[in-house]
Amino acid sequence: MKNITIVIPNHFADWEYSLIAPVLHSFTTNYRVRYAAADLNHKTSMGALRVIPDLSFADIPAENAALILIGGPAARAPLAAHCERQKTDGNLLAAICDGAWFLAANGLLNDRRHTGNHLDAYRAEATYHNAAQYQDSQREAVRDTNLITAGAMAAPAFSRAVLEALGDIPAEVLAYLPAA
């Protein structure tokens, strides 16, 4: 069984992964979806959904078919090494909204095409040096090899891009999702 880890900060954007987890739970038996946070205390989404994380950042498995960072205000510093390993190992690293900003702030978008909420926020980060490959798109996800990024309002396209990148989601299931 392949691991999928979705990182959820407190006040996380619950709509940003809302199509990924149900598809993986309902239409496949290949994946184990788990939620990770800085600690194992309840997290409450922007929509008031209360979640108990399965893992702390320290317990994120080294082998993930996908590591997914969603939006929400959070201190994610301990995640930088996990994200770097995920990207370097060629496994799927997907980030939307503040998750994509976190990758920019840690220099992880400097060699790939990408998008996000606002290029100016990325430019404000000392470790970000890749405005030339920023794709200004508020409704589409951008995929470059094993990296997927999206702005907050591109959640359906982000979900489809992640599910397509996994490579084994049935075509008839993907047909119900908006184009990436």
N, C-alpha and C. Protein backbone atom coordinates (compact mmCIF):
# COMPACT_ATOMS: atom_id res chain seq x y z
N MET A 1 0.84 -1.17 0.00
CA MET A 1 0.00 0.00 0.00
C MET A 1 0.89 1.24 0.00
N LYS A 2 0.54 2.22 -0.82
CA LYS A 2 1.33 3.44 -0.95
C LYS A 2 0.82 4.51 0.01
N ASN A 3 1.75 5.24 0.59
CA ASN A 3 1.40 6.32 1.52
C ASN A 3 1.13 7.62 0.79
N ILE A 4 0.07 8.28 1.22
CA ILE A 4 -0.21 9.65 0.82
C ILE A 4 -0.29 10.43 2.12
N THR A 5 0.49 11.48 2.26
CA THR A 5 0.45 12.30 3.46
C THR A 5 -0.02 13.70 3.09
N ILE A 6 -1.10 14.13 3.75
CA ILE A 6 -1.64 15.46 3.56
C ILE A 6 -1.33 16.26 4.82
N VAL A 7 -0.63 17.36 4.67
CA VAL A 7 -0.23 18.20 5.80
C VAL A 7 -1.35 19.20 6.08
N ILE A 8 -1.83 19.19 7.34
CA ILE A 8 -2.93 20.08 7.72
C ILE A 8 -2.52 20.98 8.88
N PRO A 9 -2.37 22.27 8.63
CA PRO A 9 -2.14 23.20 9.73
C PRO A 9 -3.47 23.51 10.41
N ASN A 10 -3.43 24.13 11.58
CA ASN A 10 -4.67 24.59 12.18
C ASN A 10 -5.24 25.69 11.29
N HIS A 11 -6.55 25.73 11.15
CA HIS A 11 -7.26 26.66 10.26
C HIS A 11 -6.92 26.34 8.80
N PHE A 12 -6.79 25.04 8.49
CA PHE A 12 -6.45 24.63 7.14
C PHE A 12 -7.61 24.86 6.18
N ALA A 13 -7.25 25.00 4.92
CA ALA A 13 -8.22 25.23 3.85
C ALA A 13 -8.80 23.88 3.41
N ASP A 14 -9.94 23.53 3.98
CA ASP A 14 -10.50 22.19 3.78
C ASP A 14 -10.92 21.90 2.34
N TRP A 15 -11.20 22.90 1.54
CA TRP A 15 -11.61 22.68 0.16
C TRP A 15 -10.45 22.33 -0.75
N GLU A 16 -9.23 22.60 -0.34
CA GLU A 16 -8.10 22.46 -1.25
C GLU A 16 -7.69 21.02 -1.54
N TYR A 17 -8.07 20.09 -0.72
CA TYR A 17 -7.77 18.68 -0.96
C TYR A 17 -9.06 17.85 -1.04
N SER A 18 -10.19 18.51 -1.08
CA SER A 18 -11.48 17.85 -0.88
C SER A 18 -11.82 16.78 -1.92
N LEU A 19 -11.23 16.79 -3.07
CA LEU A 19 -11.49 15.74 -4.06
C LEU A 19 -10.45 14.62 -4.01
N ILE A 20 -9.30 14.89 -3.45
CA ILE A 20 -8.21 13.90 -3.46
C ILE A 20 -8.51 12.74 -2.51
N ALA A 21 -8.72 13.04 -1.25
CA ALA A 21 -8.92 11.99 -0.25
C ALA A 21 -10.13 11.11 -0.55
N PRO A 22 -11.30 11.66 -0.91
CA PRO A 22 -12.44 10.78 -1.19
C PRO A 22 -12.20 9.84 -2.38
N VAL A 23 -11.55 10.34 -3.41
CA VAL A 23 -11.26 9.46 -4.56
C VAL A 23 -10.34 8.33 -4.13
N LEU A 24 -9.30 8.65 -3.38
CA LEU A 24 -8.35 7.62 -2.96
C LEU A 24 -9.00 6.60 -2.00
N HIS A 25 -9.90 7.07 -1.15
CA HIS A 25 -10.57 6.16 -0.21
C HIS A 25 -11.68 5.35 -0.86
N SER A 26 -12.37 5.94 -1.82
CA SER A 26 -13.57 5.31 -2.38
C SER A 26 -13.34 4.50 -3.65
N PHE A 27 -12.33 4.85 -4.43
CA PHE A 27 -12.17 4.23 -5.73
C PHE A 27 -10.87 3.46 -5.93
N THR A 28 -10.05 3.36 -4.89
CA THR A 28 -8.81 2.59 -5.00
C THR A 28 -8.58 1.82 -3.70
N THR A 29 -7.75 0.84 -3.78
CA THR A 29 -7.32 0.13 -2.57
C THR A 29 -5.79 0.20 -2.45
N ASN A 30 -5.17 1.04 -3.28
CA ASN A 30 -3.72 1.11 -3.35
C ASN A 30 -3.09 2.09 -2.37
N TYR A 31 -3.92 2.96 -1.75
CA TYR A 31 -3.36 4.07 -1.00
C TYR A 31 -3.86 4.11 0.44
N ARG A 32 -2.98 4.59 1.29
CA ARG A 32 -3.33 4.89 2.68
C ARG A 32 -3.12 6.39 2.84
N VAL A 33 -4.22 7.12 3.03
CA VAL A 33 -4.16 8.56 3.20
C VAL A 33 -4.08 8.86 4.69
N ARG A 34 -3.07 9.66 5.05
CA ARG A 34 -2.92 10.06 6.45
C ARG A 34 -2.67 11.56 6.50
N TYR A 35 -3.08 12.13 7.61
CA TYR A 35 -2.97 13.57 7.81
C TYR A 35 -1.88 13.85 8.84
N ALA A 36 -1.03 14.81 8.52
CA ALA A 36 0.09 15.15 9.40
C ALA A 36 -0.01 16.61 9.82
N ALA A 37 0.44 16.87 11.04
CA ALA A 37 0.46 18.24 11.57
C ALA A 37 1.64 18.37 12.52
N ALA A 38 1.88 19.57 12.98
CA ALA A 38 3.01 19.81 13.89
C ALA A 38 2.88 18.99 15.17
N ASP A 39 1.63 18.77 15.59
CA ASP A 39 1.37 17.95 16.78
C ASP A 39 0.08 17.16 16.54
N LEU A 40 -0.30 16.33 17.49
CA LEU A 40 -1.48 15.48 17.32
C LEU A 40 -2.75 16.07 17.94
N ASN A 41 -2.73 17.35 18.27
CA ASN A 41 -3.93 18.01 18.79
C ASN A 41 -4.93 18.25 17.66
N HIS A 42 -6.21 18.38 18.02
CA HIS A 42 -7.24 18.68 17.03
C HIS A 42 -6.83 19.87 16.18
N LYS A 43 -7.13 19.79 14.91
CA LYS A 43 -6.97 20.93 14.01
C LYS A 43 -8.37 21.27 13.50
N THR A 44 -8.66 22.54 13.38
CA THR A 44 -9.96 22.98 12.89
C THR A 44 -9.76 23.69 11.57
N SER A 45 -10.53 23.30 10.57
CA SER A 45 -10.41 23.89 9.24
C SER A 45 -11.08 25.26 9.19
N MET A 46 -10.88 25.94 8.11
CA MET A 46 -11.55 27.23 7.90
C MET A 46 -13.07 27.05 7.86
N GLY A 47 -13.52 25.86 7.49
CA GLY A 47 -14.94 25.55 7.46
C GLY A 47 -15.45 24.90 8.73
N ALA A 48 -14.66 24.93 9.80
CA ALA A 48 -15.01 24.42 11.13
C ALA A 48 -15.03 22.89 11.23
N LEU A 49 -14.39 22.21 10.31
CA LEU A 49 -14.23 20.76 10.39
C LEU A 49 -13.11 20.47 11.38
N ARG A 50 -13.37 19.60 12.36
CA ARG A 50 -12.34 19.25 13.35
C ARG A 50 -11.71 17.91 12.97
N VAL A 51 -10.39 17.89 12.96
CA VAL A 51 -9.65 16.71 12.53
C VAL A 51 -8.57 16.41 13.56
N ILE A 52 -8.39 15.13 13.83
CA ILE A 52 -7.27 14.69 14.66
C ILE A 52 -6.21 14.13 13.71
N PRO A 53 -5.04 14.75 13.63
CA PRO A 53 -4.00 14.26 12.72
C PRO A 53 -3.57 12.83 13.07
N ASP A 54 -3.17 12.10 12.06
CA ASP A 54 -2.66 10.74 12.24
C ASP A 54 -1.19 10.74 12.64
N LEU A 55 -0.45 11.76 12.16
CA LEU A 55 1.00 11.80 12.31
C LEU A 55 1.46 13.18 12.72
N SER A 56 2.53 13.23 13.46
CA SER A 56 3.22 14.51 13.65
C SER A 56 4.24 14.63 12.52
N PHE A 57 4.78 15.82 12.32
CA PHE A 57 5.77 16.00 11.27
C PHE A 57 6.93 15.01 11.42
N ALA A 58 7.32 14.74 12.65
CA ALA A 58 8.44 13.83 12.90
C ALA A 58 8.15 12.41 12.44
N ASP A 59 6.87 12.06 12.34
CA ASP A 59 6.48 10.69 11.99
C ASP A 59 6.09 10.51 10.53
N ILE A 60 6.25 11.53 9.71
CA ILE A 60 5.93 11.39 8.29
C ILE A 60 6.86 10.34 7.70
N PRO A 61 6.29 9.34 7.03
CA PRO A 61 7.15 8.28 6.49
C PRO A 61 8.10 8.80 5.41
N ALA A 62 9.25 8.18 5.33
CA ALA A 62 10.24 8.57 4.32
C ALA A 62 9.74 8.24 2.92
N GLU A 63 8.95 7.20 2.81
CA GLU A 63 8.41 6.78 1.51
C GLU A 63 6.96 7.24 1.39
N ASN A 64 6.71 8.20 0.52
CA ASN A 64 5.37 8.69 0.24
C ASN A 64 5.17 8.70 -1.26
N ALA A 65 4.06 8.15 -1.72
CA ALA A 65 3.72 8.30 -3.12
C ALA A 65 3.45 9.77 -3.41
N ALA A 66 2.89 10.47 -2.39
CA ALA A 66 2.67 11.91 -2.52
C ALA A 66 2.71 12.56 -1.15
N LEU A 67 3.33 13.72 -1.10
CA LEU A 67 3.31 14.59 0.07
C LEU A 67 2.59 15.84 -0.39
N ILE A 68 1.46 16.15 0.26
CA ILE A 68 0.58 17.22 -0.18
C ILE A 68 0.49 18.29 0.90
N LEU A 69 0.82 19.52 0.54
CA LEU A 69 0.75 20.66 1.46
C LEU A 69 -0.42 21.53 1.03
N ILE A 70 -1.37 21.74 1.95
CA ILE A 70 -2.51 22.59 1.65
C ILE A 70 -2.36 23.91 2.39
N GLY A 71 -3.27 24.83 2.11
CA GLY A 71 -3.18 26.16 2.68
C GLY A 71 -3.65 26.26 4.11
N GLY A 72 -3.26 27.36 4.70
CA GLY A 72 -3.59 27.66 6.08
C GLY A 72 -2.37 28.21 6.76
N PRO A 73 -2.57 29.11 7.73
CA PRO A 73 -1.42 29.69 8.42
C PRO A 73 -0.75 28.64 9.29
N ALA A 74 0.54 28.52 9.19
CA ALA A 74 1.22 27.49 9.97
C ALA A 74 2.71 27.71 10.03
N ALA A 75 3.30 27.18 11.07
CA ALA A 75 4.75 27.09 11.17
C ALA A 75 5.11 25.71 10.63
N ARG A 76 5.73 25.67 9.47
CA ARG A 76 6.01 24.40 8.81
C ARG A 76 7.50 24.11 8.69
N ALA A 77 8.32 24.86 9.36
CA ALA A 77 9.77 24.72 9.20
C ALA A 77 10.25 23.28 9.24
N PRO A 78 9.76 22.43 10.14
CA PRO A 78 10.25 21.05 10.16
C PRO A 78 9.94 20.26 8.89
N LEU A 79 9.05 20.77 8.06
CA LEU A 79 8.69 20.06 6.84
C LEU A 79 9.67 20.24 5.70
N ALA A 80 10.51 21.23 5.77
CA ALA A 80 11.40 21.53 4.64
C ALA A 80 12.22 20.32 4.22
N ALA A 81 12.78 19.60 5.17
CA ALA A 81 13.60 18.42 4.84
C ALA A 81 12.74 17.32 4.20
N HIS A 82 11.52 17.13 4.69
CA HIS A 82 10.63 16.13 4.08
C HIS A 82 10.33 16.51 2.62
N CYS A 83 10.06 17.79 2.40
CA CYS A 83 9.74 18.25 1.04
C CYS A 83 10.94 18.10 0.11
N GLU A 84 12.10 18.46 0.59
CA GLU A 84 13.33 18.33 -0.21
C GLU A 84 13.56 16.86 -0.58
N ARG A 85 13.42 15.95 0.37
CA ARG A 85 13.62 14.53 0.10
C ARG A 85 12.58 14.02 -0.90
N GLN A 86 11.34 14.43 -0.72
CA GLN A 86 10.27 14.00 -1.62
C GLN A 86 10.58 14.41 -3.05
N LYS A 87 10.99 15.65 -3.22
CA LYS A 87 11.31 16.18 -4.54
C LYS A 87 12.55 15.50 -5.13
N THR A 88 13.60 15.38 -4.33
CA THR A 88 14.85 14.78 -4.79
C THR A 88 14.68 13.31 -5.15
N ASP A 89 13.86 12.59 -4.37
CA ASP A 89 13.64 11.16 -4.63
C ASP A 89 12.74 10.91 -5.83
N GLY A 90 12.16 11.97 -6.39
CA GLY A 90 11.30 11.81 -7.56
C GLY A 90 9.87 11.45 -7.22
N ASN A 91 9.51 11.50 -5.94
CA ASN A 91 8.13 11.24 -5.55
C ASN A 91 7.32 12.53 -5.65
N LEU A 92 6.02 12.38 -5.75
CA LEU A 92 5.15 13.52 -5.96
C LEU A 92 5.14 14.47 -4.77
N LEU A 93 5.42 15.73 -5.04
CA LEU A 93 5.34 16.80 -4.07
C LEU A 93 4.32 17.79 -4.63
N ALA A 94 3.21 17.97 -3.91
CA ALA A 94 2.14 18.83 -4.39
C ALA A 94 1.80 19.87 -3.33
N ALA A 95 1.63 21.11 -3.76
CA ALA A 95 1.37 22.19 -2.81
C ALA A 95 0.41 23.20 -3.42
N ILE A 96 -0.53 23.63 -2.59
CA ILE A 96 -1.53 24.61 -3.02
C ILE A 96 -1.58 25.74 -2.00
N CYS A 97 -1.80 26.95 -2.49
CA CYS A 97 -2.00 28.11 -1.64
C CYS A 97 -0.76 28.35 -0.77
N ASP A 98 -0.94 28.42 0.55
CA ASP A 98 0.20 28.65 1.45
C ASP A 98 1.22 27.52 1.40
N GLY A 99 0.78 26.33 1.01
CA GLY A 99 1.71 25.22 0.85
C GLY A 99 2.72 25.51 -0.25
N ALA A 100 2.24 26.10 -1.36
CA ALA A 100 3.14 26.47 -2.45
C ALA A 100 4.08 27.60 -2.02
N TRP A 101 3.52 28.56 -1.26
CA TRP A 101 4.37 29.64 -0.74
C TRP A 101 5.49 29.05 0.14
N PHE A 102 5.16 28.05 0.97
CA PHE A 102 6.17 27.41 1.81
C PHE A 102 7.31 26.83 0.96
N LEU A 103 6.96 26.20 -0.16
CA LEU A 103 8.01 25.65 -1.04
C LEU A 103 8.87 26.78 -1.60
N ALA A 104 8.24 27.88 -2.00
CA ALA A 104 9.00 29.03 -2.51
C ALA A 104 9.92 29.59 -1.43
N ALA A 105 9.40 29.70 -0.21
CA ALA A 105 10.17 30.27 0.89
C ALA A 105 11.36 29.40 1.28
N ASN A 106 11.33 28.14 0.87
CA ASN A 106 12.43 27.23 1.17
C ASN A 106 13.26 26.88 -0.06
N GLY A 107 13.12 27.66 -1.11
CA GLY A 107 13.93 27.49 -2.32
C GLY A 107 13.61 26.25 -3.13
N LEU A 108 12.45 25.65 -2.91
CA LEU A 108 12.13 24.39 -3.58
C LEU A 108 11.41 24.58 -4.93
N LEU A 109 11.20 25.84 -5.32
CA LEU A 109 10.60 26.11 -6.63
C LEU A 109 11.59 26.74 -7.59
N ASN A 110 12.84 26.79 -7.21
CA ASN A 110 13.84 27.51 -8.00
C ASN A 110 14.26 26.82 -9.29
N ASP A 111 13.85 25.58 -9.49
CA ASP A 111 14.27 24.87 -10.70
C ASP A 111 13.09 24.28 -11.47
N ARG A 112 11.87 24.72 -11.18
CA ARG A 112 10.69 24.14 -11.83
C ARG A 112 9.66 25.22 -12.16
N ARG A 113 8.84 24.91 -13.19
CA ARG A 113 7.67 25.75 -13.44
C ARG A 113 6.72 25.59 -12.27
N HIS A 114 5.99 26.66 -11.92
CA HIS A 114 5.12 26.63 -10.76
C HIS A 114 4.13 27.77 -10.80
N THR A 115 3.17 27.74 -9.91
CA THR A 115 2.22 28.82 -9.73
C THR A 115 1.89 28.94 -8.26
N GLY A 116 0.95 29.79 -7.93
CA GLY A 116 0.54 29.98 -6.55
C GLY A 116 -0.42 31.15 -6.46
N ASN A 117 -0.58 31.66 -5.26
CA ASN A 117 -1.53 32.75 -5.08
C ASN A 117 -1.03 34.07 -5.65
N HIS A 118 0.23 34.45 -5.33
CA HIS A 118 0.75 35.75 -5.76
C HIS A 118 2.26 35.69 -5.90
N LEU A 119 2.74 36.03 -7.07
CA LEU A 119 4.18 36.04 -7.31
C LEU A 119 4.90 37.00 -6.37
N ASP A 120 4.29 38.12 -6.05
CA ASP A 120 4.96 39.09 -5.16
C ASP A 120 5.29 38.49 -3.80
N ALA A 121 4.44 37.60 -3.30
CA ALA A 121 4.73 36.94 -2.02
C ALA A 121 5.97 36.06 -2.14
N TYR A 122 6.13 35.42 -3.28
CA TYR A 122 7.32 34.59 -3.50
C TYR A 122 8.57 35.46 -3.60
N ARG A 123 8.46 36.55 -4.37
CA ARG A 123 9.60 37.44 -4.55
C ARG A 123 10.10 38.03 -3.24
N ALA A 124 9.23 38.12 -2.26
CA ALA A 124 9.62 38.67 -0.95
C ALA A 124 10.50 37.71 -0.16
N GLU A 125 10.59 36.47 -0.60
CA GLU A 125 11.39 35.46 0.10
C GLU A 125 12.82 35.46 -0.44
N ALA A 126 13.78 35.58 0.45
CA ALA A 126 15.20 35.65 0.05
C ALA A 126 15.67 34.41 -0.68
N THR A 127 15.06 33.27 -0.42
CA THR A 127 15.51 32.01 -1.05
C THR A 127 14.81 31.72 -2.37
N TYR A 128 13.89 32.57 -2.79
CA TYR A 128 13.17 32.36 -4.05
C TYR A 128 13.85 33.13 -5.17
N HIS A 129 14.19 32.41 -6.26
CA HIS A 129 14.91 33.02 -7.38
C HIS A 129 14.40 32.51 -8.72
N ASN A 130 13.09 32.37 -8.90
CA ASN A 130 12.62 31.76 -10.14
C ASN A 130 11.33 32.39 -10.66
N ALA A 131 11.25 33.70 -10.64
CA ALA A 131 10.06 34.38 -11.16
C ALA A 131 9.86 34.09 -12.64
N ALA A 132 10.92 33.79 -13.36
CA ALA A 132 10.81 33.52 -14.80
C ALA A 132 9.97 32.29 -15.10
N GLN A 133 9.93 31.33 -14.19
CA GLN A 133 9.15 30.12 -14.44
C GLN A 133 7.80 30.11 -13.70
N TYR A 134 7.44 31.24 -13.11
CA TYR A 134 6.14 31.36 -12.45
C TYR A 134 5.06 31.48 -13.53
N GLN A 135 4.03 30.67 -13.43
CA GLN A 135 2.90 30.69 -14.35
C GLN A 135 1.74 31.39 -13.65
N ASP A 136 1.32 32.52 -14.15
CA ASP A 136 0.25 33.28 -13.50
C ASP A 136 -1.10 32.66 -13.86
N SER A 137 -1.57 31.80 -12.98
CA SER A 137 -2.83 31.10 -13.23
C SER A 137 -3.57 30.91 -11.92
N GLN A 138 -4.76 31.44 -11.82
CA GLN A 138 -5.54 31.30 -10.60
C GLN A 138 -6.51 30.13 -10.65
N ARG A 139 -6.72 29.51 -11.79
CA ARG A 139 -7.68 28.42 -11.91
C ARG A 139 -7.06 27.09 -12.35
N GLU A 140 -5.77 27.09 -12.62
CA GLU A 140 -5.11 25.88 -13.10
C GLU A 140 -3.96 25.50 -12.18
N ALA A 141 -3.68 24.22 -12.16
CA ALA A 141 -2.50 23.71 -11.47
C ALA A 141 -1.36 23.64 -12.49
N VAL A 142 -0.15 23.74 -12.00
CA VAL A 142 1.02 23.63 -12.87
C VAL A 142 1.81 22.41 -12.41
N ARG A 143 2.10 21.54 -13.36
CA ARG A 143 2.90 20.35 -13.06
C ARG A 143 4.21 20.42 -13.82
N ASP A 144 5.30 20.18 -13.11
CA ASP A 144 6.62 20.09 -13.72
C ASP A 144 7.29 18.86 -13.10
N THR A 145 7.37 17.82 -13.84
CA THR A 145 7.85 16.50 -13.41
C THR A 145 7.08 16.06 -12.17
N ASN A 146 7.74 15.93 -11.02
CA ASN A 146 7.06 15.42 -9.82
C ASN A 146 6.58 16.53 -8.89
N LEU A 147 6.53 17.76 -9.37
CA LEU A 147 6.08 18.89 -8.57
C LEU A 147 4.79 19.46 -9.14
N ILE A 148 3.77 19.63 -8.28
CA ILE A 148 2.51 20.25 -8.67
C ILE A 148 2.26 21.41 -7.72
N THR A 149 1.91 22.57 -8.29
CA THR A 149 1.56 23.73 -7.49
C THR A 149 0.26 24.34 -8.01
N ALA A 150 -0.41 25.07 -7.12
CA ALA A 150 -1.66 25.73 -7.50
C ALA A 150 -1.97 26.85 -6.52
N GLY A 151 -2.76 27.81 -6.97
CA GLY A 151 -3.29 28.84 -6.09
C GLY A 151 -4.56 28.32 -5.43
N ALA A 152 -5.01 29.02 -4.41
CA ALA A 152 -6.12 28.57 -3.58
C ALA A 152 -7.40 28.30 -4.36
N MET A 153 -7.67 29.05 -5.40
CA MET A 153 -8.92 28.89 -6.14
C MET A 153 -8.84 27.84 -7.23
N ALA A 154 -7.74 27.13 -7.31
CA ALA A 154 -7.56 26.08 -8.33
C ALA A 154 -7.70 24.69 -7.73
N ALA A 155 -8.44 24.56 -6.64
CA ALA A 155 -8.53 23.28 -5.95
C ALA A 155 -9.01 22.12 -6.83
N PRO A 156 -10.05 22.28 -7.66
CA PRO A 156 -10.45 21.14 -8.50
C PRO A 156 -9.35 20.72 -9.49
N ALA A 157 -8.69 21.69 -10.11
CA ALA A 157 -7.60 21.37 -11.05
C ALA A 157 -6.42 20.76 -10.31
N PHE A 158 -6.13 21.26 -9.11
CA PHE A 158 -5.06 20.71 -8.28
C PHE A 158 -5.36 19.24 -7.96
N SER A 159 -6.57 18.95 -7.54
CA SER A 159 -6.95 17.59 -7.20
C SER A 159 -6.77 16.66 -8.40
N ARG A 160 -7.24 17.09 -9.54
CA ARG A 160 -7.12 16.25 -10.74
C ARG A 160 -5.64 16.05 -11.10
N ALA A 161 -4.85 17.11 -11.03
CA ALA A 161 -3.43 16.98 -11.36
C ALA A 161 -2.74 15.98 -10.44
N VAL A 162 -3.06 16.03 -9.14
CA VAL A 162 -2.46 15.09 -8.19
C VAL A 162 -2.89 13.67 -8.52
N LEU A 163 -4.17 13.46 -8.74
CA LEU A 163 -4.67 12.11 -9.02
C LEU A 163 -4.11 11.57 -10.33
N GLU A 164 -4.01 12.41 -11.34
CA GLU A 164 -3.40 11.98 -12.61
C GLU A 164 -1.94 11.62 -12.42
N ALA A 165 -1.22 12.41 -11.64
CA ALA A 165 0.22 12.18 -11.45
C ALA A 165 0.49 10.87 -10.74
N LEU A 166 -0.45 10.40 -9.93
CA LEU A 166 -0.26 9.11 -9.26
C LEU A 166 -0.18 7.98 -10.27
N GLY A 167 -0.84 8.14 -11.41
CA GLY A 167 -0.69 7.22 -12.53
C GLY A 167 -1.52 5.96 -12.51
N ASP A 168 -2.32 5.73 -11.46
CA ASP A 168 -3.09 4.49 -11.44
C ASP A 168 -4.55 4.69 -11.01
N ILE A 169 -5.03 5.91 -11.13
CA ILE A 169 -6.43 6.19 -10.84
C ILE A 169 -7.21 5.88 -12.12
N PRO A 170 -8.28 5.09 -12.03
CA PRO A 170 -9.02 4.71 -13.24
C PRO A 170 -9.51 5.91 -14.05
N ALA A 171 -9.40 5.81 -15.36
CA ALA A 171 -9.81 6.90 -16.25
C ALA A 171 -11.27 7.27 -16.06
N GLU A 172 -12.11 6.29 -15.78
CA GLU A 172 -13.54 6.61 -15.59
C GLU A 172 -13.77 7.44 -14.33
N VAL A 173 -12.89 7.33 -13.36
CA VAL A 173 -12.99 8.18 -12.16
C VAL A 173 -12.49 9.58 -12.50
N LEU A 174 -11.36 9.68 -13.17
CA LEU A 174 -10.82 10.99 -13.54
C LEU A 174 -11.77 11.76 -14.45
N ALA A 175 -12.57 11.05 -15.25
CA ALA A 175 -13.51 11.69 -16.16
C ALA A 175 -14.53 12.57 -15.44
N TYR A 176 -14.80 12.28 -14.19
CA TYR A 176 -15.76 13.08 -13.42
C TYR A 176 -15.17 14.36 -12.85
N LEU A 177 -13.87 14.49 -12.89
CA LEU A 177 -13.20 15.66 -12.32
C LEU A 177 -12.95 16.72 -13.39
N PRO A 178 -12.92 17.99 -12.98
CA PRO A 178 -12.60 19.05 -13.95
C PRO A 178 -11.20 18.85 -14.51
N ALA A 179 -11.00 19.33 -15.73
CA ALA A 179 -9.68 19.22 -16.35
C ALA A 179 -8.64 19.96 -15.53
N ALA A 180 -7.43 19.42 -15.48
CA ALA A 180 -6.34 20.05 -14.72
C ALA A 180 -5.79 21.24 -15.45
